Amino acid sequence: MRVTVLAAAAAPPAAEPSCYSSVRNEWWCWQYVVDRREEITEAGVQHVGITLAAIVLAVALAFPLALLARRTRRLESTVLAVSTGLYTIPSLALFPLFLPFTGLSAATVVLALALYALTVLVRSLLDGLRAVPEEVRESAIGQGVGPTRLLLRVELPLALPVFLGGLRVAAVSTVALTTVGALVSYGGLGNLIQHGVARNFRAELLTASVLCVLLALVLDAVIVLLQRLLTPWTRGSTV
């Protein structure tokens, strides 16, 4: 027994990471990424999932609102005022409004982010529809095209460049706002940022922040590629 105790006392202490430990707290630390890759991956997947769900929901809400604003002039100012006013509500005040219905879940964050994105999407879709030349509409109507086909086959394709430009802005801002979901423990990379700030864990804070920026850049590039595929007639213009 005594020999075991002496051997344990003589054993060297376990090696700590070279750039993050109880002694060192560096900003750049690849060892942290290697050691915590599962945690980082889980946070990143959650971040992407919440962001995409919020954008899809926002598009689904913006489409009928923009059509309503265009067809009923009296409601246009109301629709734009409400969609714009939602962005002025702080997340600390907006999230609790959904808690009685959604609880502490990802749905709370998705709903809030979708409402924030309406500020850009409703206006961009409405501006895109208004940018369709009137002679194009008249020509389509003269050929016997009905209202539904006119919207789906003529107006929406021509409105896509303006709408996708707004979608880029909404997508990038949603990536950033998803981090606020850490308030209800569903912030994706925001959870790591919050933990890094609370513990002064520099490697965690910087890694999560850089990944947020990279995610925003990748999502923006995907939308640009989508715009080029869907609107080939605009490839010669500046994006």
Protein backbone atom coordinates (compact mmCIF):
# COMPACT_ATOMS: atom_id res chain seq x y z
CA MET A 1 0.00 0.00 0.00
CA ARG A 2 2.82 2.36 0.91
CA VAL A 3 4.63 1.54 -2.32
CA THR A 4 1.47 2.39 -4.31
CA VAL A 5 1.13 5.76 -2.58
CA LEU A 6 4.79 6.59 -3.17
CA ALA A 7 4.48 5.58 -6.82
CA ALA A 8 1.42 7.79 -7.27
CA ALA A 9 3.19 10.71 -5.65
CA ALA A 10 6.18 10.25 -7.89
CA ALA A 11 4.10 10.02 -11.07
CA PRO A 12 4.22 13.17 -13.23
CA PRO A 13 1.02 15.25 -13.44
CA ALA A 14 -1.24 14.69 -16.43
CA ALA A 15 -0.27 16.84 -19.37
CA GLU A 16 -2.60 19.78 -19.96
CA PRO A 17 -3.34 21.28 -23.40
CA SER A 18 -0.56 23.53 -24.54
CA CYS A 19 -2.71 26.57 -25.34
CA TYR A 20 -5.74 26.29 -23.05
CA SER A 21 -5.41 25.17 -19.46
CA SER A 22 -5.59 26.43 -15.92
CA VAL A 23 -2.40 28.36 -16.64
CA ARG A 24 -2.62 29.33 -20.30
CA ASN A 25 -5.64 30.94 -21.96
CA GLU A 26 -4.71 31.77 -25.52
CA TRP A 27 -7.04 33.11 -28.22
CA TRP A 28 -5.72 30.90 -31.03
CA CYS A 29 -5.82 27.26 -29.99
CA TRP A 30 -6.25 24.47 -32.53
CA GLN A 31 -5.97 21.92 -29.74
CA TYR A 32 -9.27 23.20 -28.39
CA VAL A 33 -10.93 22.53 -31.75
CA VAL A 34 -9.54 18.99 -31.81
CA ASP A 35 -10.50 18.20 -28.22
CA ARG A 36 -14.00 19.70 -28.41
CA ARG A 37 -14.87 18.88 -32.02
CA GLU A 38 -18.03 16.98 -31.08
CA GLU A 39 -19.31 19.86 -28.99
CA ILE A 40 -18.45 22.38 -31.72
CA THR A 41 -20.06 20.22 -34.41
CA GLU A 42 -23.26 19.83 -32.39
CA ALA A 43 -23.47 23.59 -31.83
CA GLY A 44 -22.79 24.28 -35.52
CA VAL A 45 -25.46 21.83 -36.70
CA GLN A 46 -27.98 23.37 -34.32
CA HIS A 47 -27.05 26.85 -35.56
CA VAL A 48 -27.53 25.89 -39.22
CA GLY A 49 -30.81 24.12 -38.50
CA ILE A 50 -32.33 27.04 -36.61
CA THR A 51 -31.13 29.55 -39.21
CA LEU A 52 -32.54 27.64 -42.19
CA ALA A 53 -35.83 26.92 -40.45
CA ALA A 54 -36.24 30.60 -39.60
CA ILE A 55 -35.49 31.70 -43.16
CA VAL A 56 -37.93 29.19 -44.68
CA LEU A 57 -40.67 30.26 -42.28
CA ALA A 58 -39.95 33.94 -42.96
CA VAL A 59 -40.23 33.42 -46.73
CA ALA A 60 -43.51 31.54 -46.25
CA LEU A 61 -44.89 34.46 -44.22
CA ALA A 62 -43.46 37.24 -46.39
CA PHE A 63 -45.00 35.95 -49.62
CA PRO A 64 -48.70 36.36 -48.71
CA LEU A 65 -48.00 39.59 -46.80
CA ALA A 66 -46.30 41.17 -49.81
CA LEU A 67 -49.15 40.08 -52.11
CA LEU A 68 -51.68 41.50 -49.67
CA ALA A 69 -49.81 44.81 -49.50
CA ARG A 70 -49.63 45.05 -53.29
CA ARG A 71 -53.27 44.21 -53.96
CA THR A 72 -54.75 46.31 -51.15
CA ARG A 73 -53.14 49.73 -51.14
CA ARG A 74 -54.85 50.71 -47.90
CA LEU A 75 -53.12 47.87 -46.09
CA GLU A 76 -49.68 48.46 -47.59
CA SER A 77 -48.52 50.98 -45.01
CA THR A 78 -49.88 48.81 -42.20
CA VAL A 79 -48.11 45.66 -43.43
CA LEU A 80 -44.81 47.48 -43.90
CA ALA A 81 -45.11 49.26 -40.55
CA VAL A 82 -45.81 46.05 -38.66
CA SER A 83 -43.08 44.02 -40.38
CA THR A 84 -40.58 46.82 -39.81
CA GLY A 85 -41.70 47.46 -36.25
CA LEU A 86 -41.08 43.84 -35.28
CA TYR A 87 -37.36 44.36 -35.80
CA THR A 88 -37.32 47.10 -33.17
CA ILE A 89 -38.49 44.71 -30.43
CA PRO A 90 -35.49 43.53 -28.37
CA SER A 91 -34.97 39.79 -28.28
CA LEU A 92 -35.11 39.90 -24.48
CA ALA A 93 -38.70 41.09 -24.83
CA LEU A 94 -39.72 39.03 -27.89
CA PHE A 95 -38.56 35.59 -26.75
CA PRO A 96 -40.64 35.56 -23.53
CA LEU A 97 -43.79 36.25 -25.58
CA PHE A 98 -43.48 32.77 -27.17
CA LEU A 99 -42.45 30.88 -24.04
CA PRO A 100 -46.04 30.16 -22.85
CA PHE A 101 -46.72 28.44 -26.19
CA THR A 102 -43.37 26.93 -27.24
CA GLY A 103 -41.48 26.69 -23.95
CA LEU A 104 -37.69 26.55 -23.84
CA SER A 105 -37.30 25.03 -27.29
CA ALA A 106 -35.80 25.73 -30.69
CA ALA A 107 -39.26 26.76 -31.92
CA THR A 108 -39.07 29.87 -29.73
CA VAL A 109 -35.91 31.01 -31.51
CA VAL A 110 -37.17 30.06 -34.98
CA LEU A 111 -40.39 32.06 -34.59
CA ALA A 112 -38.60 35.13 -33.29
CA LEU A 113 -35.96 35.08 -36.03
CA ALA A 114 -38.59 34.58 -38.74
CA LEU A 115 -40.43 37.69 -37.55
CA TYR A 116 -37.20 39.68 -37.56
CA ALA A 117 -36.47 38.58 -41.15
CA LEU A 118 -39.86 39.85 -42.34
CA THR A 119 -38.53 43.39 -42.13
CA VAL A 120 -36.32 42.80 -45.16
CA LEU A 121 -38.18 40.06 -47.01
CA VAL A 122 -41.61 41.72 -47.24
CA ARG A 123 -40.19 44.97 -48.56
CA SER A 124 -37.79 43.28 -51.01
CA LEU A 125 -40.53 41.06 -52.45
CA LEU A 126 -42.90 44.00 -52.77
CA ASP A 127 -40.20 46.10 -54.47
CA GLY A 128 -39.40 43.22 -56.81
CA LEU A 129 -43.01 42.84 -57.91
CA ARG A 130 -43.30 46.57 -58.47
CA ALA A 131 -40.16 46.54 -60.62
CA VAL A 132 -41.83 44.30 -63.22
CA PRO A 133 -42.40 46.49 -66.31
CA GLU A 134 -46.05 47.30 -66.90
CA GLU A 135 -45.75 46.52 -70.62
CA VAL A 136 -44.70 42.98 -69.75
CA ARG A 137 -47.84 42.52 -67.68
CA GLU A 138 -50.03 43.97 -70.42
CA SER A 139 -48.42 41.74 -73.03
CA ALA A 140 -49.01 38.62 -70.92
CA ILE A 141 -52.63 39.60 -70.21
CA GLY A 142 -53.14 40.28 -73.91
CA GLN A 143 -52.05 36.69 -74.64
CA GLY A 144 -54.75 35.37 -72.32
CA VAL A 145 -52.58 34.71 -69.25
CA GLY A 146 -54.70 34.56 -66.08
CA PRO A 147 -53.86 36.25 -62.74
CA THR A 148 -52.34 33.13 -61.15
CA ARG A 149 -50.18 32.25 -64.16
CA LEU A 150 -49.22 35.89 -64.53
CA LEU A 151 -47.93 35.91 -60.96
CA LEU A 152 -46.14 32.56 -61.09
CA ARG A 153 -44.83 32.60 -64.67
CA VAL A 154 -44.12 36.28 -65.24
CA GLU A 155 -44.03 38.49 -62.17
CA LEU A 156 -42.24 36.27 -59.65
CA PRO A 157 -39.38 35.25 -62.00
CA LEU A 158 -38.77 38.91 -62.87
CA ALA A 159 -38.97 39.88 -59.17
CA LEU A 160 -36.42 37.23 -58.12
CA PRO A 161 -33.25 39.37 -58.45
CA VAL A 162 -34.58 42.00 -56.07
CA PHE A 163 -36.07 39.43 -53.70
CA LEU A 164 -32.91 37.32 -53.56
CA GLY A 165 -30.91 40.44 -52.82
CA GLY A 166 -33.13 40.97 -49.78
CA LEU A 167 -32.85 37.29 -48.90
CA ARG A 168 -29.07 37.62 -48.72
CA VAL A 169 -29.38 40.41 -46.17
CA ALA A 170 -31.99 38.51 -44.16
CA ALA A 171 -29.94 35.29 -44.18
CA VAL A 172 -26.74 36.92 -42.97
CA SER A 173 -28.56 38.84 -40.23
CA THR A 174 -30.36 35.64 -39.17
CA VAL A 175 -27.04 33.83 -38.77
CA ALA A 176 -25.93 36.58 -36.41
CA LEU A 177 -29.23 36.77 -34.51
CA THR A 178 -29.35 33.01 -33.98
CA THR A 179 -26.61 33.44 -31.38
CA VAL A 180 -29.12 35.37 -29.25
CA GLY A 181 -31.01 32.10 -28.88
CA ALA A 182 -28.49 31.26 -26.16
CA LEU A 183 -30.91 33.12 -23.89
CA VAL A 184 -33.13 30.02 -24.03
CA SER A 185 -30.25 27.54 -24.51
CA TYR A 186 -30.91 27.18 -28.26
CA GLY A 187 -28.39 29.53 -29.79
CA GLY A 188 -26.16 27.09 -31.64
CA LEU A 189 -22.71 28.63 -31.70
CA GLY A 190 -24.13 31.37 -29.48
CA ASN A 191 -24.17 28.87 -26.61
CA LEU A 192 -20.40 28.54 -26.94
CA ILE A 193 -19.97 32.30 -27.18
CA GLN A 194 -22.04 32.82 -24.05
CA HIS A 195 -20.06 30.17 -22.17
CA GLY A 196 -16.77 31.60 -23.41
CA VAL A 197 -17.69 35.08 -22.21
CA ALA A 198 -18.90 33.84 -18.83
CA ARG A 199 -15.75 31.77 -18.21
CA ASN A 200 -13.31 34.04 -20.04
CA PHE A 201 -12.52 31.02 -22.23
CA ARG A 202 -10.75 32.75 -25.09
CA ALA A 203 -10.29 29.79 -27.42
CA GLU A 204 -13.98 28.85 -27.18
CA LEU A 205 -15.14 32.44 -27.69
CA LEU A 206 -12.95 33.08 -30.71
CA THR A 207 -13.62 29.71 -32.36
CA ALA A 208 -17.40 30.11 -32.13
CA SER A 209 -17.24 33.70 -33.39
CA VAL A 210 -15.10 32.77 -36.40
CA LEU A 211 -17.42 29.90 -37.27
CA CYS A 212 -20.41 32.29 -37.19
CA VAL A 213 -18.67 34.57 -39.68
CA LEU A 214 -17.74 31.64 -41.94
CA LEU A 215 -21.30 30.32 -41.81
CA ALA A 216 -22.66 33.71 -42.86
CA LEU A 217 -20.19 33.89 -45.77
CA VAL A 218 -21.04 30.37 -46.95
CA LEU A 219 -24.79 30.99 -46.77
CA ASP A 220 -24.41 34.25 -48.69
CA ALA A 221 -22.35 32.48 -51.37
CA VAL A 222 -25.01 29.77 -51.69
CA ILE A 223 -27.74 32.38 -52.25
CA VAL A 224 -25.58 34.16 -54.84
CA LEU A 225 -25.11 30.85 -56.66
CA LEU A 226 -28.84 30.19 -56.44
CA GLN A 227 -29.54 33.63 -57.89
CA ARG A 228 -27.23 32.99 -60.84
CA LEU A 229 -28.93 29.66 -61.54
CA LEU A 230 -32.49 31.01 -61.28
CA THR A 231 -31.89 34.32 -63.05
CA PRO A 232 -29.41 33.64 -65.87
CA TRP A 233 -30.37 36.88 -67.62
CA THR A 234 -28.71 38.88 -64.80
CA ARG A 235 -25.31 37.17 -64.92
CA GLY A 236 -23.75 40.07 -66.75
CA SER A 237 -24.86 42.55 -64.08
CA THR A 238 -23.20 43.31 -60.77
CA VAL A 239 -24.46 41.23 -57.86
